[in-house]
Protein backbone atom coordinates (compact mmCIF):
# COMPACT_ATOMS: atom_id res chain seq x y z
CA UNK A 1 0.00 0.00 0.00
CA UNK A 2 2.86 2.40 0.79
CA UNK A 3 4.16 2.19 -2.79
CA UNK A 4 0.75 2.95 -4.30
CA UNK A 5 -0.33 6.03 -2.32
CA UNK A 6 1.19 9.18 -3.80
CA UNK A 7 -1.05 11.88 -2.31
CA UNK A 8 -2.76 12.41 1.03
CA UNK A 9 -4.95 15.10 2.55
CA UNK A 10 -4.47 16.71 5.97
CA UNK A 11 -7.54 18.08 7.75
CA UNK A 12 -6.75 20.39 10.69
CA UNK A 13 -9.81 22.45 11.65
CA UNK A 14 -8.01 24.40 14.37
CA UNK A 15 -4.80 24.95 12.39
CA UNK A 16 -5.63 25.85 8.77
CA UNK A 17 -1.94 26.42 7.98
CA UNK A 18 -1.31 22.67 8.22
CA UNK A 19 -4.33 21.64 6.14
CA UNK A 20 -4.09 20.75 2.46
CA UNK A 21 -2.89 18.10 0.00
CA UNK A 22 0.57 16.51 0.28
CA UNK A 23 2.41 14.45 -2.38
CA UNK A 24 5.44 12.22 -2.02
CA UNK A 25 8.62 13.83 -3.41
CA UNK A 26 12.04 12.34 -4.04
CA UNK A 27 13.49 13.07 -0.60
CA UNK A 28 13.83 11.06 2.58
CA UNK A 29 14.22 11.99 6.22
CA UNK A 30 15.18 9.44 8.84
CA UNK A 31 14.36 6.53 6.54
CA UNK A 32 10.86 7.77 5.50
CA UNK A 33 9.61 9.59 2.40
CA UNK A 34 8.95 13.33 2.63
CA UNK A 35 5.51 14.63 1.64
CA UNK A 36 5.34 18.06 -0.03
CA UNK A 37 2.46 20.54 0.35
CA UNK A 38 1.85 23.97 -1.13
CA UNK A 39 3.73 27.07 0.10
CA UNK A 40 6.73 24.96 1.13
CA UNK A 41 4.87 22.84 3.66
CA UNK A 42 6.40 19.44 4.50
CA UNK A 43 5.18 16.28 6.21
CA UNK A 44 8.23 14.30 7.34
CA UNK A 45 9.53 11.82 9.90
CA UNK A 46 11.76 13.18 12.67
CA UNK A 47 14.48 11.41 14.65
CA UNK A 48 12.07 10.71 17.52
CA UNK A 49 9.95 8.47 15.24
CA UNK A 50 7.02 10.90 14.87
CA UNK A 51 5.48 12.45 11.78
CA UNK A 52 5.67 16.26 11.75
CA UNK A 53 3.96 18.90 9.60
CA UNK A 54 6.01 22.07 9.14
CA UNK A 55 7.82 24.05 6.45
CA UNK A 56 11.32 24.34 4.93
CA UNK A 57 12.63 25.92 8.14
CA UNK A 58 11.14 23.53 10.68
CA UNK A 59 12.17 20.44 8.72
CA UNK A 60 15.82 21.35 9.31
CA UNK A 61 15.10 21.69 13.05
CA UNK A 62 13.20 18.40 13.20
CA UNK A 63 10.03 20.05 14.44
CA UNK A 64 6.78 21.54 13.15
CA UNK A 65 3.28 22.76 13.99
CA UNK A 66 1.65 19.30 14.20
CA UNK A 67 3.02 15.90 15.17
CA UNK A 68 1.75 12.33 15.42
CA UNK A 69 2.28 9.57 17.90
CA UNK A 70 5.32 7.32 17.34
CA UNK A 71 4.53 5.78 13.96
CA UNK A 72 6.78 2.69 14.06
CA UNK A 73 7.23 2.83 10.27
CA UNK A 74 3.52 3.30 9.44
CA UNK A 75 2.63 5.98 6.84
CA UNK A 76 0.96 9.19 8.03
CA UNK A 77 -2.54 8.17 6.92
CA UNK A 78 -2.37 5.05 9.14
CA UNK A 79 -1.20 6.84 12.30
CA UNK A 80 -3.48 8.31 14.95
CA UNK A 81 -2.90 10.42 18.04
CA UNK A 82 -2.06 13.73 16.36
CA UNK A 83 -1.04 16.66 18.57
CA UNK A 84 -0.61 20.44 18.22
CA UNK A 85 0.28 23.41 20.43
CA UNK A 86 -1.54 26.71 20.89
CA UNK A 87 1.53 28.98 20.74
CA UNK A 88 5.29 28.73 20.70
CA UNK A 89 6.60 27.40 24.01
CA UNK A 90 3.29 25.84 25.10
CA UNK A 91 3.08 22.04 25.58
CA UNK A 92 1.79 19.65 22.95
CA UNK A 93 -1.87 18.72 23.33
CA UNK A 94 -3.92 16.02 21.66
CA UNK A 95 -6.14 17.41 18.88
CA UNK A 96 -8.79 14.93 17.66
CA UNK A 97 -9.78 17.31 14.83
CA UNK A 98 -6.51 16.56 12.98
CA UNK A 99 -6.92 13.76 10.43
CA UNK A 100 -4.71 12.46 7.63
CA UNK A 101 -6.67 10.65 4.90
CA UNK A 102 -6.00 9.31 1.40
CA UNK A 103 -6.31 11.84 -1.44
CA UNK A 104 -10.00 12.94 -1.76
CA UNK A 105 -11.25 10.22 0.50
CA UNK A 106 -13.76 11.23 3.18
CA UNK A 107 -12.62 10.69 6.78
CA UNK A 108 -15.64 8.41 7.35
CA UNK A 109 -14.39 5.81 4.78
CA UNK A 110 -12.46 2.92 6.35
CA UNK A 111 -9.30 1.26 5.01
CA UNK A 112 -11.23 -1.88 4.02
CA UNK A 113 -13.71 0.20 1.99
CA UNK A 114 -10.85 1.97 0.26
CA UNK A 115 -8.82 -1.22 -0.50
CA UNK A 116 -10.66 -1.86 -3.79
CA UNK A 117 -9.52 1.47 -5.18
CA UNK A 118 -5.95 0.81 -4.05
CA UNK A 119 -5.93 -2.62 -5.69
CA UNK A 120 -7.03 -1.07 -8.98
CA UNK A 121 -4.34 1.64 -8.72
CA UNK A 122 -1.68 -1.02 -8.07
CA UNK A 123 -2.15 -2.30 -11.65
CA UNK A 124 -1.30 1.13 -13.13
CA UNK A 125 2.30 1.98 -14.15
CA UNK A 126 4.08 3.78 -11.33
CA UNK A 127 6.05 6.97 -11.88
CA UNK A 128 9.24 7.92 -10.08
CA UNK A 129 8.49 10.72 -7.58
CA UNK A 130 10.01 14.09 -8.49
CA UNK A 131 12.54 15.61 -6.05
CA UNK A 132 11.20 18.08 -3.51
CA UNK A 133 11.69 21.71 -4.64
CA UNK A 134 13.80 23.95 -2.44
CA UNK A 135 11.35 26.85 -2.87
CA UNK A 136 7.65 26.85 -1.96
CA UNK A 137 5.35 25.60 -4.72
CA UNK A 138 2.73 28.09 -5.85
CA UNK A 139 -0.89 27.41 -5.07
CA UNK A 140 -4.11 28.97 -6.23
CA UNK A 141 -5.43 28.89 -2.69
CA UNK A 142 -3.90 30.95 0.10
CA UNK A 143 -4.00 29.25 3.47
CA UNK A 144 -4.30 31.65 6.36
CA UNK A 145 -2.15 30.67 9.37
CA UNK A 146 -4.66 31.99 11.88
CA UNK A 147 -8.39 32.65 11.87
CA UNK A 148 -9.58 35.68 13.85
CA UNK A 149 -13.25 35.56 14.72
CA UNK A 150 -15.69 38.45 15.09
CA UNK A 151 -15.76 37.80 18.84
CA UNK A 152 -11.99 38.37 19.04
CA UNK A 153 -12.31 41.63 17.08
CA UNK A 154 -15.14 42.84 19.32
CA UNK A 155 -13.12 42.00 22.45
CA UNK A 156 -10.09 43.88 21.12
CA UNK A 157 -12.24 46.91 20.26
CA UNK A 158 -13.80 46.90 23.72
CA UNK A 159 -10.38 46.67 25.38
CA UNK A 160 -9.07 49.49 23.16
CA UNK A 161 -12.06 51.69 24.07
CA UNK A 162 -11.50 51.01 27.79
CA UNK A 163 -7.81 51.92 27.53
CA UNK A 164 -8.64 55.14 25.64
CA UNK A 165 -11.17 56.10 28.34
CA UNK A 166 -8.62 55.47 31.10
CA UNK A 167 -6.03 57.57 29.28
CA UNK A 168 -8.50 60.44 28.87
CA UNK A 169 -9.42 60.29 32.56
CA UNK A 170 -5.73 60.33 33.51
CA UNK A 171 -5.09 63.34 31.27
CA UNK A 172 -8.09 65.19 32.76
CA UNK A 173 -6.89 64.48 36.31
CA UNK A 174 -3.41 65.75 35.46
CA UNK A 175 -4.85 68.96 33.97
CA UNK A 176 -7.06 69.56 37.00
CA UNK A 177 -4.15 68.90 39.36
CA UNK A 178 -1.99 71.43 37.50
CA UNK A 179 -4.81 74.02 37.62
CA UNK A 180 -5.28 73.52 41.37
CA UNK A 181 -1.53 73.87 41.91
CA UNK A 182 -1.42 77.17 39.98
CA UNK A 183 -4.42 78.50 41.91
CA UNK A 184 -2.78 77.58 45.19
CA UNK A 185 0.43 79.34 44.23
CA UNK A 186 -1.52 82.44 43.16
CA UNK A 187 -3.38 82.57 46.48
CA UNK A 188 -0.14 82.17 48.43
CA UNK A 189 1.40 85.06 46.48
CA UNK A 190 -1.59 87.29 47.19
CA UNK A 191 -1.41 86.47 50.91
CA UNK A 192 2.29 87.35 51.00
CA UNK A 193 1.65 90.64 49.18
CA UNK A 194 -1.15 91.64 51.56
CA UNK A 195 0.95 90.70 54.56
CA UNK A 196 3.88 92.84 53.36
CA UNK A 197 1.79 95.97 52.59
CA UNK A 198 1.74 98.68 55.31
CA UNK A 199 -1.48 100.57 56.06
CA UNK A 200 -1.71 103.76 53.94
CA UNK A 201 -4.51 105.54 55.73
CA UNK A 202 -6.07 105.64 59.17
CA UNK A 203 -9.65 104.70 59.89
CA UNK A 204 -10.52 108.38 60.47
CA UNK A 205 -9.31 109.29 56.98
CA UNK A 206 -11.36 106.51 55.44
CA UNK A 207 -14.44 107.73 57.34
CA UNK A 208 -13.87 111.30 56.11
CA UNK A 209 -13.49 110.12 52.49
CA UNK A 210 -16.73 108.17 52.75
CA UNK A 211 -18.51 111.24 54.19
CA UNK A 212 -17.30 113.42 51.33
CA UNK A 213 -18.40 110.85 48.81
CA UNK A 214 -21.82 110.73 50.49
CA UNK A 215 -22.18 114.52 50.29
CA UNK A 216 -21.19 114.48 46.65
CA UNK A 217 -23.84 111.88 45.90
CA UNK A 218 -26.44 113.98 47.71
CA UNK A 219 -25.53 117.04 45.64
CA UNK A 220 -25.80 115.03 42.43
CA UNK A 221 -29.14 113.69 43.61
CA UNK A 222 -30.49 117.22 44.25
CA UNK A 223 -29.29 118.40 40.83
CA UNK A 224 -30.96 115.50 39.12
CA UNK A 225 -34.19 116.15 41.00
CA UNK A 226 -34.09 119.78 39.83
CA UNK A 227 -33.53 118.69 36.22
CA UNK A 228 -36.38 116.25 36.47
CA UNK A 229 -38.69 118.96 37.82
CA UNK A 230 -37.71 121.34 35.01
CA UNK A 231 -38.21 118.69 32.38
CA UNK A 232 -41.58 117.77 33.79
CA UNK A 233 -42.72 121.41 33.83
CA UNK A 234 -41.43 122.04 30.32
CA UNK A 235 -43.02 118.88 29.01
CA UNK A 236 -46.38 119.82 30.52
CA UNK A 237 -46.33 123.41 29.10
CA UNK A 238 -44.96 122.63 25.61
CA UNK A 239 -46.56 119.24 24.96
CA UNK A 240 -49.03 120.67 22.45
CA UNK A 241 -46.43 122.75 20.58
CA UNK A 242 -43.45 120.45 20.13
CA UNK A 243 -43.24 117.68 17.58
CA UNK A 244 -43.83 114.04 18.37
CA UNK A 245 -40.18 113.11 17.99
CA UNK A 246 -39.10 115.84 20.46
CA UNK A 247 -41.61 114.58 22.98
CA UNK A 248 -40.39 111.01 22.57
CA UNK A 249 -36.75 112.10 23.02
CA UNK A 250 -37.51 114.08 26.15
CA UNK A 251 -39.51 111.20 27.52
CA UNK A 252 -36.50 108.88 27.03
CA UNK A 253 -34.26 111.43 28.73
CA UNK A 254 -36.71 111.60 31.61
CA UNK A 255 -36.67 107.81 31.97
CA UNK A 256 -32.88 107.73 31.90
CA UNK A 257 -32.66 110.49 34.49
CA UNK A 258 -35.15 108.65 36.65
CA UNK A 259 -33.02 105.51 36.47
CA UNK A 260 -29.91 107.54 37.31
CA UNK A 261 -31.74 109.11 40.23
CA UNK A 262 -32.78 105.69 41.53
CA UNK A 263 -29.23 104.41 41.19
CA UNK A 264 -27.77 107.42 42.98
CA UNK A 265 -30.36 107.10 45.68
CA UNK A 266 -29.35 103.48 46.25
CA UNK A 267 -25.67 104.42 46.28
CA UNK A 268 -26.39 107.27 48.72
CA UNK A 269 -28.26 104.91 50.99
CA UNK A 270 -25.43 102.37 50.87
CA UNK A 271 -22.85 105.10 51.49
CA UNK A 272 -24.84 106.44 54.45
CA UNK A 273 -25.08 102.98 55.96
CA UNK A 274 -21.36 102.40 55.47
CA UNK A 275 -20.58 105.83 56.92
CA UNK A 276 -22.60 105.07 60.04
CA UNK A 277 -20.88 101.71 60.49
CA UNK A 278 -17.41 103.20 60.05
CA UNK A 279 -18.14 106.02 62.49
CA UNK A 280 -19.37 103.51 65.06
CA UNK A 281 -16.29 101.38 64.50
CA UNK A 282 -14.00 104.43 64.76
CA UNK A 283 -15.62 105.55 68.00
CA UNK A 284 -15.30 102.04 69.36
CA UNK A 285 -11.61 102.00 68.50
CA UNK A 286 -11.02 105.39 70.06
CA UNK A 287 -12.81 104.39 73.26
CA UNK A 288 -10.56 101.36 73.61
C-alpha cells in the first residue's frame, strides 16, 4: 500500500496552515519519504519516530506545527494520536480534529472500503516521484495561518475603548491637578503681598473720604431732581407745541434720568449705611 499512495490530505480544523494536499517527493528523512504541500509545507519523519507537519525551516530543526504519535514505520494516513500546540513554548496537546486521509477520500471511509480502489491503482504503471523543490510551490489557494473571529475583534475593540477612556481620565486628572496647583500658588502670592503691605490711611481718613463721597452723591441727587422737575414742567407746558419726535426724546431722557436718580439714591443709601458703620467702628476704636 505504501508504494501505491502518492497523495494524502491533511484536515486540521483548528490549524488551517497545516491543512491541504501533500504528495510524495524524491526526498527522505530518517528513513521515510517526505511529503510536499503547497507554500513549502512538508510532512516528514523526525528522529524521535514521529510524523511532523512544518515548512522548509522547521524540517531542518526536526520540528513543526503538528506531530503524530510514534509511527513505528507506518505511513501518516495510518497513524493516529495527532497533537498540536496553541503557541510557541506551550506544551503539545492532543487534537482529535486533525486527520490524515487518502487523497479525496472522506474521513468516514475505512481502510477496508478503500482497499478496492488501491488494488485497482496497483495495476497502473508507477512513476518515479520528483525531487522536492527547495522553494515553496505556488498554489491557487492561500491558506491563512490563523483565523480571527468576530468575537476576538469585538473584544479587542472593547479593550481598546477602555484603555482610551482610562487615558483620557488620567489626562483630565493631570490637567485639574496642574490648575489647582497654579491656583494655590496664586493665592499664596496674594497672601504674601497683603501681609507685606503697610497701612496707607487711618480709619478716620477713610471715614472722612466716605462722608465726602456721600455729600457728593447727595448734591448730584439734588441736581438730578431739579432737572427732572424742570423737564416735567417744560413737558407739561410745551406738549401741544413740540413735535412728536421731540416729545419722545424728552420722555426717554426723563426715563434715563429717573433711572440715574434711583441708582444714585441706592448708592447714597449704601454710602450712608457704610458711613454710620465706620463712624461707630472708629468711636469704638477710640474708646478702647
